[in-house]
Amino acid sequence: MNMERETSKELRTFMKNVAWLRTHYGLSKKDMAKLLGVSVMTLTRIERGQFPSQLHISVMYNIQRHFGVRISNQFVDITSEEAK
């Protein structure tokens, strides 16, 4: 049961990071969705905290490739690390 809470917290952090990266780099939803390889609707859901039932691992690879955030770091709060 505790494991479910941790996973949920990590997924919420991932979604927060996606939204932060888009706004930090001044990208439109359309441009960010294209970089990640998802639809604008899927990106909107992620940014609203509604994790899609299926999300391809390529999204995480695209974040790493375009923004330099390692996959393992995508599940921790990168907003505070970037602010340092």
Foldseek 3Di string as FASTA:
>chain_A
DVVVVLVLLLLLLLLCVLVCVCVVVVHDLCVSCVLQVHDSVQNVCSVVVNHDPDDDCSSLVSCCVPPVQHSVRSRPNCVVVVVD
